[in-house]
Amino acid sequence: MKKFNLGSKLASLFRFRKPLDEESYDELEDLLIEGDFGSHATMEISEIARDRKPKTKEELVEIVRSIIEPKIEAAQISLIPGKLNAFLIMGVNGVGKTTTIGKLAVMYQNQGNKVVLAAGDTFRAAAIDQIQIHSERTGARLVRQNPGSDPGAVIFDALTSAKAQKEDLVLCDTAGRMHNKENLLKELVKIDKVIRSKVEPECYKKLLVVDATTGQNTISQAQVFKDAVGLDALILTKYDSSSKAGSLAQIGVPIAFVGTGEGYRDIKPFDKGEFIDSLLTFE
């Protein structure tokens, strides 16, 4: 799926080299909705454009940039040296959460840290098997129990043993689906309480993995997890194939990392400037 390039689409509004008319503004709104900017941001951009009457594609792009740039932030996620750090990794099934955990393990190991994986998604036997594979491939130690075990107990054991062995980071996997949302949220609240009892606040980060291609669904997913335990940052998967990006300006959560491929090294810190430039560049 080709990335949605808003810059080129905005430039197309000036294809006849005439000032924008009412039809052009209607088309602008359609483009923004297509790019998943949502009704509020779309009308905000449209109203400012109508007021300023941009005469060139560059002027129109700068209007769009001025609206979305303050709404997208990059998060800097660093470990506290000499202390036990923990990341609570959340996300619905199918977004690449477990693979992202493997990538994070490799990234932080390459920085000289000892990493532990906690198989907290005990709801699915397949999830435990998947994180076991990542443990074997990355060399990160795994703490697991049988399917159906208490997720909080798994993560408690992982944190306790990691602290005893002076390891640096525990990556805590969690379920992305249970019988209903209420059960999922209760489990997350319990796990959050366990981690907060074992890890100092500055060493604890809550990260949500989202599929960058899902558009408006990303907003609703983020809201569920934000309401349950709060969020420190997002991790975007399928970033290279992202066709919609406007939804990221509506979530209100900074972005820490982006996945750029299937390999363990295919993850990098989110670069806000690079992201906005790629969205608004004329192709």
Protein backbone atom coordinates (compact mmCIF):
# COMPACT_ATOMS: atom_id res chain seq x y z
CA MET A 1 0.00 0.00 0.00
CA LYS A 2 1.48 3.29 -1.07
CA LYS A 3 1.98 5.95 1.61
CA PHE A 4 -0.64 8.69 1.49
CA ASN A 5 1.27 11.73 0.22
CA LEU A 6 -0.76 14.73 1.21
CA GLY A 7 1.69 17.22 -0.28
CA SER A 8 1.18 15.94 -3.82
CA LYS A 9 -2.57 15.88 -3.40
CA LEU A 10 -2.59 19.44 -2.10
CA ALA A 11 -0.46 20.51 -5.05
CA SER A 12 -3.04 19.02 -7.40
CA LEU A 13 -5.55 21.64 -6.26
CA PHE A 14 -3.45 24.22 -8.15
CA ARG A 15 -3.21 22.16 -11.33
CA PHE A 16 -5.05 24.80 -13.39
CA ARG A 17 -2.95 27.63 -11.89
CA LYS A 18 -6.02 29.44 -10.69
CA PRO A 19 -6.84 30.77 -7.22
CA LEU A 20 -8.68 28.26 -5.06
CA ASP A 21 -12.44 28.51 -5.42
CA GLU A 22 -15.29 26.99 -3.41
CA GLU A 23 -15.01 23.73 -5.31
CA SER A 24 -11.29 23.61 -4.51
CA TYR A 25 -11.96 24.00 -0.78
CA ASP A 26 -14.52 21.21 -0.91
CA GLU A 27 -11.88 19.07 -2.60
CA LEU A 28 -9.35 20.06 0.07
CA GLU A 29 -11.72 18.83 2.77
CA ASP A 30 -12.20 15.56 0.90
CA LEU A 31 -8.42 15.08 0.71
CA LEU A 32 -7.99 15.70 4.42
CA ILE A 33 -10.78 13.27 5.31
CA GLU A 34 -9.17 10.73 2.97
CA GLY A 35 -5.93 11.22 4.90
CA ASP A 36 -7.74 10.47 8.18
CA PHE A 37 -7.41 13.95 9.63
CA GLY A 38 -10.89 13.74 11.12
CA SER A 39 -13.68 16.28 10.92
CA HIS A 40 -12.32 18.73 13.52
CA ALA A 41 -8.82 19.09 12.04
CA THR A 42 -10.24 19.11 8.52
CA MET A 43 -12.57 22.03 9.23
CA GLU A 44 -9.85 23.88 11.13
CA ILE A 45 -7.47 23.65 8.18
CA SER A 46 -10.21 24.48 5.67
CA GLU A 47 -11.35 27.57 7.58
CA ILE A 48 -7.82 28.94 7.89
CA ALA A 49 -7.18 28.30 4.21
CA ARG A 50 -10.38 30.10 3.23
CA ASP A 51 -9.37 33.04 5.41
CA ARG A 52 -5.76 33.29 4.16
CA LYS A 53 -6.53 32.44 0.50
CA PRO A 54 -3.23 30.71 -0.37
CA LYS A 55 -2.08 31.44 -3.90
CA THR A 56 0.48 28.63 -4.23
CA LYS A 57 0.80 25.01 -3.20
CA GLU A 58 3.65 26.01 -0.88
CA GLU A 59 1.43 28.44 1.00
CA LEU A 60 -1.30 25.82 1.37
CA VAL A 61 1.16 23.21 2.63
CA GLU A 62 2.46 25.65 5.24
CA ILE A 63 -1.07 26.18 6.51
CA VAL A 64 -1.51 22.42 6.92
CA ARG A 65 1.90 22.12 8.56
CA SER A 66 1.09 24.87 11.07
CA ILE A 67 -1.97 22.91 12.21
CA ILE A 68 -0.59 19.38 12.43
CA GLU A 69 2.97 20.08 13.60
CA PRO A 70 2.03 21.08 17.18
CA LYS A 71 -0.23 18.02 17.47
CA ILE A 72 2.46 15.42 16.77
CA GLU A 73 5.25 14.86 19.27
CA ALA A 74 8.22 12.53 19.50
CA ALA A 75 8.91 10.74 22.80
CA GLN A 76 12.45 10.12 23.99
CA ILE A 77 12.53 6.75 25.74
CA SER A 78 15.76 6.08 27.65
CA LEU A 79 16.67 3.61 30.36
CA ILE A 80 17.79 4.78 33.79
CA PRO A 81 21.27 3.26 34.27
CA GLY A 82 21.85 1.17 37.35
CA LYS A 83 18.14 0.64 38.00
CA LEU A 84 15.50 -1.87 36.92
CA ASN A 85 13.47 -0.50 34.02
CA ALA A 86 10.19 -1.90 32.76
CA PHE A 87 8.13 -1.31 29.62
CA LEU A 88 4.49 -2.37 29.63
CA ILE A 89 3.85 -3.25 25.97
CA MET A 90 0.19 -3.11 24.95
CA GLY A 91 -1.77 -3.41 21.73
CA VAL A 92 -4.63 -5.27 20.10
CA ASN A 93 -3.97 -8.59 18.40
CA GLY A 94 -2.53 -8.38 14.91
CA VAL A 95 -0.60 -5.10 15.21
CA GLY A 96 2.81 -6.78 15.54
CA LYS A 97 3.15 -6.37 19.30
CA THR A 98 5.21 -9.51 19.98
CA THR A 99 7.53 -8.87 17.03
CA THR A 100 8.01 -5.31 18.30
CA ILE A 101 9.04 -6.72 21.68
CA GLY A 102 11.73 -8.76 19.90
CA LYS A 103 12.93 -5.64 18.09
CA LEU A 104 13.09 -3.64 21.31
CA ALA A 105 15.02 -6.46 22.96
CA VAL A 106 17.66 -6.38 20.23
CA MET A 107 17.85 -2.58 20.19
CA TYR A 108 18.43 -2.29 23.94
CA GLN A 109 20.78 -5.29 24.02
CA ASN A 110 22.87 -3.58 21.35
CA GLN A 111 23.15 -0.63 23.73
CA GLY A 112 24.73 -2.93 26.29
CA ASN A 113 21.67 -3.73 28.41
CA LYS A 114 20.49 -7.06 29.80
CA VAL A 115 16.90 -7.60 28.68
CA VAL A 116 14.20 -9.92 30.03
CA LEU A 117 10.97 -10.85 28.26
CA ALA A 118 7.87 -11.44 30.39
CA ALA A 119 5.18 -13.57 28.71
CA GLY A 120 2.23 -11.71 30.20
CA ASP A 121 -0.22 -12.66 27.45
CA THR A 122 -1.30 -15.92 29.07
CA PHE A 123 -4.71 -15.71 27.45
CA ARG A 124 -3.39 -17.30 24.22
CA ALA A 125 -1.02 -20.25 24.15
CA ALA A 126 0.18 -19.04 20.75
CA ALA A 127 1.29 -15.73 22.28
CA ILE A 128 3.53 -17.56 24.76
CA ASP A 129 4.97 -19.66 21.93
CA GLN A 130 5.65 -16.55 19.87
CA ILE A 131 7.52 -14.72 22.59
CA GLN A 132 9.45 -17.93 23.31
CA ILE A 133 10.68 -17.87 19.70
CA HIS A 134 11.76 -14.23 20.04
CA SER A 135 13.58 -15.08 23.24
CA GLU A 136 15.48 -17.89 21.53
CA ARG A 137 16.34 -15.76 18.50
CA THR A 138 17.41 -12.66 20.40
CA GLY A 139 19.02 -14.30 23.40
CA ALA A 140 16.87 -12.31 25.83
CA ARG A 141 15.90 -14.31 28.90
CA LEU A 142 12.22 -15.32 29.05
CA VAL A 143 9.98 -15.62 32.09
CA ARG A 144 6.82 -17.58 31.32
CA GLN A 145 4.18 -19.78 32.88
CA ASN A 146 1.50 -22.07 31.47
CA PRO A 147 -1.42 -20.73 29.41
CA GLY A 148 -4.18 -19.48 31.67
CA SER A 149 -1.80 -18.42 34.43
CA ASP A 150 -2.20 -15.09 36.20
CA PRO A 151 -0.49 -12.46 33.97
CA GLY A 152 0.32 -10.32 36.99
CA ALA A 153 2.13 -13.22 38.62
CA VAL A 154 4.24 -13.80 35.49
CA ILE A 155 5.30 -10.17 35.38
CA PHE A 156 5.91 -10.08 39.13
CA ASP A 157 8.25 -13.07 38.80
CA ALA A 158 10.04 -11.46 35.85
CA LEU A 159 10.61 -8.20 37.71
CA THR A 160 11.71 -9.94 40.90
CA SER A 161 14.22 -12.18 39.13
CA ALA A 162 15.50 -9.35 36.93
CA LYS A 163 16.18 -7.21 39.96
CA ALA A 164 17.95 -10.07 41.73
CA GLN A 165 20.13 -10.71 38.67
CA LYS A 166 20.80 -6.99 38.14
CA GLU A 167 19.28 -6.97 34.68
CA ASP A 168 18.35 -3.67 33.10
CA LEU A 169 15.03 -3.94 31.30
CA VAL A 170 11.91 -6.11 31.48
CA LEU A 171 9.66 -6.02 28.41
CA CYS A 172 6.20 -7.03 29.61
CA ASP A 173 3.91 -8.55 26.99
CA THR A 174 0.15 -8.25 27.57
CA ALA A 175 -3.03 -9.65 26.06
CA GLY A 176 -4.59 -7.76 23.19
CA ARG A 177 -7.92 -9.53 23.42
CA MET A 178 -9.91 -11.30 26.10
CA HIS A 179 -13.53 -12.39 26.36
CA ASN A 180 -14.56 -8.77 26.68
CA LYS A 181 -13.00 -5.34 27.03
CA GLU A 182 -13.85 -5.11 30.73
CA ASN A 183 -11.74 -8.18 31.52
CA LEU A 184 -8.86 -6.84 29.45
CA LEU A 185 -8.89 -3.51 31.25
CA LYS A 186 -9.05 -5.16 34.67
CA GLU A 187 -5.99 -7.27 33.81
CA LEU A 188 -4.08 -4.20 32.62
CA VAL A 189 -4.89 -2.28 35.78
CA LYS A 190 -3.68 -5.23 37.86
CA ILE A 191 -0.46 -5.56 35.86
CA ASP A 192 0.15 -1.82 36.09
CA LYS A 193 -0.19 -2.03 39.87
CA VAL A 194 2.30 -4.92 40.00
CA ILE A 195 4.89 -3.02 37.97
CA ARG A 196 4.47 0.18 39.98
CA SER A 197 5.09 -1.83 43.16
CA LYS A 198 8.42 -3.14 41.82
CA VAL A 199 9.80 -0.35 39.61
CA GLU A 200 10.48 3.31 40.35
CA PRO A 201 8.18 5.71 38.46
CA GLU A 202 10.91 7.21 36.28
CA CYS A 203 11.95 3.71 35.17
CA TYR A 204 8.47 2.61 34.04
CA LYS A 205 7.03 3.31 30.58
CA LYS A 206 3.65 2.30 29.15
CA LEU A 207 3.87 1.85 25.38
CA LEU A 208 1.06 1.11 22.94
CA VAL A 209 1.84 -0.66 19.66
CA VAL A 210 -0.45 0.45 16.82
CA ASP A 211 -0.69 -0.42 13.14
CA ALA A 212 0.08 2.78 11.22
CA THR A 213 -2.30 1.76 8.41
CA THR A 214 -5.46 1.58 10.51
CA GLY A 215 -6.31 5.28 10.49
CA GLN A 216 -9.23 6.25 12.72
CA ASN A 217 -9.18 2.85 14.47
CA THR A 218 -5.85 3.89 15.96
CA ILE A 219 -7.60 6.68 17.85
CA SER A 220 -10.21 4.41 19.41
CA GLN A 221 -7.60 1.80 20.32
CA ALA A 222 -5.40 4.38 22.00
CA GLN A 223 -8.32 5.77 23.98
CA VAL A 224 -9.15 2.36 25.47
CA PHE A 225 -5.63 1.79 26.75
CA LYS A 226 -5.20 5.41 27.81
CA ASP A 227 -8.35 5.20 29.93
CA ALA A 228 -7.19 1.95 31.55
CA VAL A 229 -3.63 2.73 32.63
CA GLY A 230 -2.42 5.81 30.76
CA LEU A 231 0.11 5.91 27.94
CA ASP A 232 3.62 7.32 27.71
CA ALA A 233 4.12 6.77 23.99
CA LEU A 234 3.11 4.94 20.82
CA ILE A 235 5.10 2.53 18.68
CA LEU A 236 4.03 2.47 15.03
CA THR A 237 4.23 -0.73 12.99
CA LYS A 238 3.85 -1.10 9.20
CA TYR A 239 5.14 2.45 8.98
CA ASP A 240 6.61 2.14 5.48
CA SER A 241 3.29 1.10 4.00
CA SER A 242 1.19 3.63 5.88
CA SER A 243 -1.50 5.13 3.67
CA LYS A 244 -3.15 7.32 6.30
CA ALA A 245 -1.38 9.59 8.76
CA GLY A 246 -3.81 12.27 9.87
CA SER A 247 -5.11 10.16 12.74
CA LEU A 248 -1.72 10.43 14.48
CA ALA A 249 -2.32 14.15 15.00
CA GLN A 250 -5.54 13.42 16.89
CA ILE A 251 -4.41 10.87 19.49
CA GLY A 252 -2.61 13.21 21.86
CA VAL A 253 0.11 10.68 22.71
CA PRO A 254 3.76 11.14 21.62
CA ILE A 255 5.38 8.60 19.29
CA ALA A 256 8.54 6.83 20.44
CA PHE A 257 9.47 4.31 17.74
CA VAL A 258 8.50 3.19 14.26
CA GLY A 259 8.86 -0.27 12.78
CA THR A 260 10.15 -0.17 9.22
CA GLY A 261 10.30 -3.86 8.29
CA GLU A 262 10.18 -7.43 9.54
CA GLY A 263 13.76 -7.81 10.78
CA TYR A 264 14.86 -7.33 14.37
CA ARG A 265 16.85 -4.24 13.44
CA ASP A 266 13.94 -2.68 11.57
CA ILE A 267 12.97 -0.23 14.29
CA LYS A 268 14.08 3.35 14.89
CA PRO A 269 13.18 6.37 17.01
CA PHE A 270 10.34 8.43 15.59
CA ASP A 271 11.56 11.57 13.82
CA LYS A 272 8.82 14.20 13.83
CA GLY A 273 10.44 16.42 11.21
CA GLU A 274 11.08 13.51 8.87
CA PHE A 275 7.50 12.31 9.28
CA ILE A 276 5.88 15.66 8.51
CA ASP A 277 8.25 16.33 5.61
CA SER A 278 7.48 12.95 4.05
CA LEU A 279 3.76 13.61 4.44
CA LEU A 280 3.88 17.05 2.83
CA THR A 281 6.62 16.63 0.22
CA PHE A 282 5.59 17.08 -3.43
CA GLU A 283 6.22 13.81 -5.27
